Amino acid sequence: MVGLSICKLSRSSIPSIAPFFGTKTRYEEVNPRLIDNMNASLLGPPAPGCRPVYLTSVIRHGTRYPTTKNVKKIARLFDLVSSGSATWINEIKGWKMWYTEEMDGRLVEKGRDDHWHLAVRLARSFPSLISEDLLRAHRIEFITSSKHRCVESVKAFQEGLRGIRDVKSM
């Protein structure tokens, strides 16, 4: 996420939780405290007296099912492991492979929820940049790839904005 402010960013303004964030990390899985810390609104001007003038947010799609390629890998691994004879393998043999190729990286409900809540946090952190007037005037742009998980993530994000700003159409 990149924010532009009238003030200069300093190294000390980088949130202490920043090292936990990666491109494929489910943050609360790494550290459950992160959700509370994110909700404490770490987003905002880097110093008193600064005001946001522009916001660009680059957001990865939400939590998803494995892709077809990975479902096939999981099935091969399961077959390989379950063909063994160690006693602990009996527990694995009872597991039913429930991932299907039709899931192919589709967004899960957790992914939708994450994007909905992200939109709410951003709107609350930057009310002058994400306002009902700007949403109604279509002054906020959403650009996404055509991958279904990305499109679904943007839709969930927009639903979050509509919910907090009570905008019926965007």
Protein backbone atom coordinates (compact mmCIF):
# COMPACT_ATOMS: atom_id res chain seq x y z
CA MET A 1 0.00 0.00 0.00
CA VAL A 2 1.39 3.35 -0.94
CA GLY A 3 0.14 6.61 0.49
CA LEU A 4 1.19 10.08 -0.58
CA SER A 5 1.31 12.79 1.99
CA ILE A 6 2.45 16.38 2.11
CA CYS A 7 4.96 15.42 4.83
CA LYS A 8 8.08 13.37 4.34
CA LEU A 9 8.06 9.75 5.60
CA SER A 10 10.75 8.82 8.06
CA ARG A 11 12.02 5.38 8.96
CA SER A 12 10.54 5.75 12.44
CA SER A 13 7.02 6.08 10.94
CA ILE A 14 7.08 2.49 9.64
CA PRO A 15 4.74 0.44 11.87
CA SER A 16 6.45 -2.10 14.11
CA ILE A 17 4.28 -4.89 12.69
CA ALA A 18 5.49 -4.30 9.10
CA PRO A 19 8.01 -7.21 9.14
CA PHE A 20 5.12 -9.68 9.60
CA PHE A 21 3.57 -8.80 6.25
CA GLY A 22 4.45 -10.70 3.09
CA THR A 23 2.78 -11.26 -0.24
CA LYS A 24 1.25 -14.63 0.65
CA THR A 25 0.91 -14.41 4.40
CA ARG A 26 -2.39 -14.89 6.22
CA TYR A 27 -1.38 -12.36 8.83
CA GLU A 28 -3.43 -13.64 11.74
CA GLU A 29 -1.89 -17.08 11.21
CA VAL A 30 1.56 -15.59 11.78
CA ASN A 31 0.54 -13.59 14.83
CA PRO A 32 -3.08 -13.32 16.06
CA ARG A 33 -2.31 -9.93 17.65
CA LEU A 34 -1.87 -8.44 14.19
CA ILE A 35 -5.61 -8.22 13.59
CA ASP A 36 -6.07 -6.10 16.74
CA ASN A 37 -3.06 -3.97 15.80
CA MET A 38 -4.37 -3.45 12.25
CA ASN A 39 -7.74 -2.46 13.63
CA ALA A 40 -6.04 0.11 15.84
CA SER A 41 -5.60 2.04 12.58
CA LEU A 42 -1.92 2.19 11.82
CA LEU A 43 -2.85 3.92 8.58
CA GLY A 44 -2.82 7.66 8.44
CA PRO A 45 -0.57 10.66 8.13
CA PRO A 46 3.01 10.01 9.26
CA ALA A 47 3.13 13.13 11.42
CA PRO A 48 0.75 15.61 13.07
CA GLY A 49 -0.28 18.36 10.69
CA CYS A 50 0.04 16.20 7.60
CA ARG A 51 -3.03 15.58 5.53
CA PRO A 52 -3.53 12.87 2.92
CA VAL A 53 -3.96 14.13 -0.63
CA TYR A 54 -3.80 10.92 -2.68
CA LEU A 55 -4.01 7.22 -2.00
CA THR A 56 -2.94 4.30 -4.16
CA SER A 57 -3.47 0.85 -2.76
CA VAL A 58 -2.05 -2.29 -4.37
CA ILE A 59 -3.84 -5.23 -2.80
CA ARG A 60 -3.34 -8.92 -3.41
CA HIS A 61 -6.39 -11.16 -3.76
CA GLY A 62 -7.85 -12.69 -0.61
CA THR A 63 -7.44 -16.16 0.85
CA ARG A 64 -8.31 -18.78 -1.73
CA TYR A 65 -8.51 -22.48 -2.44
CA PRO A 66 -5.48 -24.15 -4.02
CA THR A 67 -5.15 -23.90 -7.79
CA THR A 68 -5.77 -26.94 -9.99
CA LYS A 69 -2.01 -27.46 -10.28
CA ASN A 70 -1.65 -27.55 -6.50
CA VAL A 71 -4.72 -29.76 -6.01
CA LYS A 72 -3.02 -32.31 -8.28
CA LYS A 73 0.22 -32.02 -6.27
CA ILE A 74 -1.68 -32.49 -2.99
CA ALA A 75 -3.40 -35.59 -4.40
CA ARG A 76 -0.04 -37.07 -5.53
CA LEU A 77 1.51 -36.34 -2.14
CA PHE A 78 -1.47 -37.89 -0.36
CA ASP A 79 -1.21 -41.03 -2.51
CA LEU A 80 2.53 -41.26 -1.87
CA VAL A 81 2.28 -40.79 1.89
CA SER A 82 -0.78 -42.99 2.37
CA SER A 83 0.90 -45.90 0.59
CA GLY A 84 3.41 -46.18 3.42
CA SER A 85 3.20 -48.62 6.32
CA ALA A 86 4.14 -46.55 9.41
CA THR A 87 1.49 -46.57 12.14
CA TRP A 88 0.90 -42.80 11.97
CA ILE A 89 0.01 -43.17 8.28
CA ASN A 90 -3.23 -44.94 9.25
CA GLU A 91 -4.53 -41.59 10.50
CA ILE A 92 -3.75 -40.00 7.14
CA LYS A 93 -5.39 -42.84 5.22
CA GLY A 94 -8.70 -41.86 6.83
CA TRP A 95 -8.47 -38.35 5.40
CA LYS A 96 -10.72 -37.65 2.44
CA MET A 97 -9.22 -35.49 -0.29
CA TRP A 98 -11.90 -32.80 -0.53
CA TYR A 99 -10.08 -30.28 -2.71
CA THR A 100 -11.30 -30.49 -6.28
CA GLU A 101 -9.95 -29.08 -9.51
CA GLU A 102 -13.16 -27.04 -9.85
CA MET A 103 -12.08 -24.98 -6.83
CA ASP A 104 -9.10 -23.75 -8.91
CA GLY A 105 -7.95 -20.89 -6.72
CA ARG A 106 -11.43 -19.49 -6.04
CA LEU A 107 -11.79 -17.05 -3.18
CA VAL A 108 -12.97 -18.50 0.12
CA GLU A 109 -15.33 -16.71 2.51
CA LYS A 110 -12.35 -15.69 4.68
CA GLY A 111 -10.85 -13.93 1.64
CA ARG A 112 -14.07 -12.01 1.03
CA ASP A 113 -14.29 -11.02 4.70
CA ASP A 114 -10.68 -9.84 4.74
CA HIS A 115 -11.27 -7.53 1.77
CA TRP A 116 -14.54 -6.22 3.18
CA HIS A 117 -12.80 -5.34 6.46
CA LEU A 118 -9.80 -3.85 4.66
CA ALA A 119 -12.13 -1.49 2.82
CA VAL A 120 -13.75 -0.45 6.09
CA ARG A 121 -10.34 0.21 7.71
CA LEU A 122 -9.13 2.26 4.74
CA ALA A 123 -12.35 4.29 4.58
CA ARG A 124 -12.14 5.06 8.30
CA SER A 125 -8.44 5.90 8.08
CA PHE A 126 -8.78 8.17 5.04
CA PRO A 127 -12.30 9.66 5.20
CA SER A 128 -11.37 12.64 3.03
CA LEU A 129 -10.09 10.36 0.25
CA ILE A 130 -12.73 7.63 0.47
CA SER A 131 -15.94 9.59 0.94
CA GLU A 132 -19.51 8.90 -0.09
CA ASP A 133 -19.38 11.85 -2.51
CA LEU A 134 -16.24 10.53 -4.21
CA LEU A 135 -17.71 7.02 -4.44
CA ARG A 136 -20.99 8.32 -5.92
CA ALA A 137 -19.07 10.48 -8.40
CA HIS A 138 -17.01 7.43 -9.46
CA ARG A 139 -13.80 9.25 -8.50
CA ILE A 140 -12.33 6.10 -6.97
CA GLU A 141 -10.96 3.62 -9.48
CA PHE A 142 -10.60 -0.13 -9.15
CA ILE A 143 -8.27 -1.98 -11.49
CA THR A 144 -7.93 -5.75 -11.38
CA SER A 145 -6.82 -8.69 -13.44
CA SER A 146 -9.49 -10.95 -14.90
CA LYS A 147 -8.61 -13.85 -12.56
CA HIS A 148 -11.79 -14.79 -10.72
CA ARG A 149 -10.15 -14.54 -7.29
CA CYS A 150 -9.01 -10.99 -8.07
CA VAL A 151 -12.41 -9.91 -9.40
CA GLU A 152 -14.13 -11.45 -6.36
CA SER A 153 -11.68 -9.65 -4.06
CA VAL A 154 -12.46 -6.27 -5.65
CA LYS A 155 -16.20 -6.94 -5.37
CA ALA A 156 -15.83 -7.76 -1.66
CA PHE A 157 -13.75 -4.59 -1.17
CA GLN A 158 -16.43 -2.51 -2.90
CA GLU A 159 -19.13 -4.12 -0.75
CA GLY A 160 -17.16 -3.02 2.31
CA LEU A 161 -17.03 0.55 1.01
CA ARG A 162 -20.72 0.53 0.17
CA GLY A 163 -21.53 -0.72 3.64
CA ILE A 164 -19.56 1.93 5.51
CA ARG A 165 -20.47 4.82 3.20
CA ASP A 166 -24.03 3.62 2.49
CA VAL A 167 -23.51 3.93 -1.26
CA LYS A 168 -25.97 1.80 -3.22
CA SER A 169 -24.27 1.93 -6.63
CA MET A 170 -20.66 2.32 -7.62
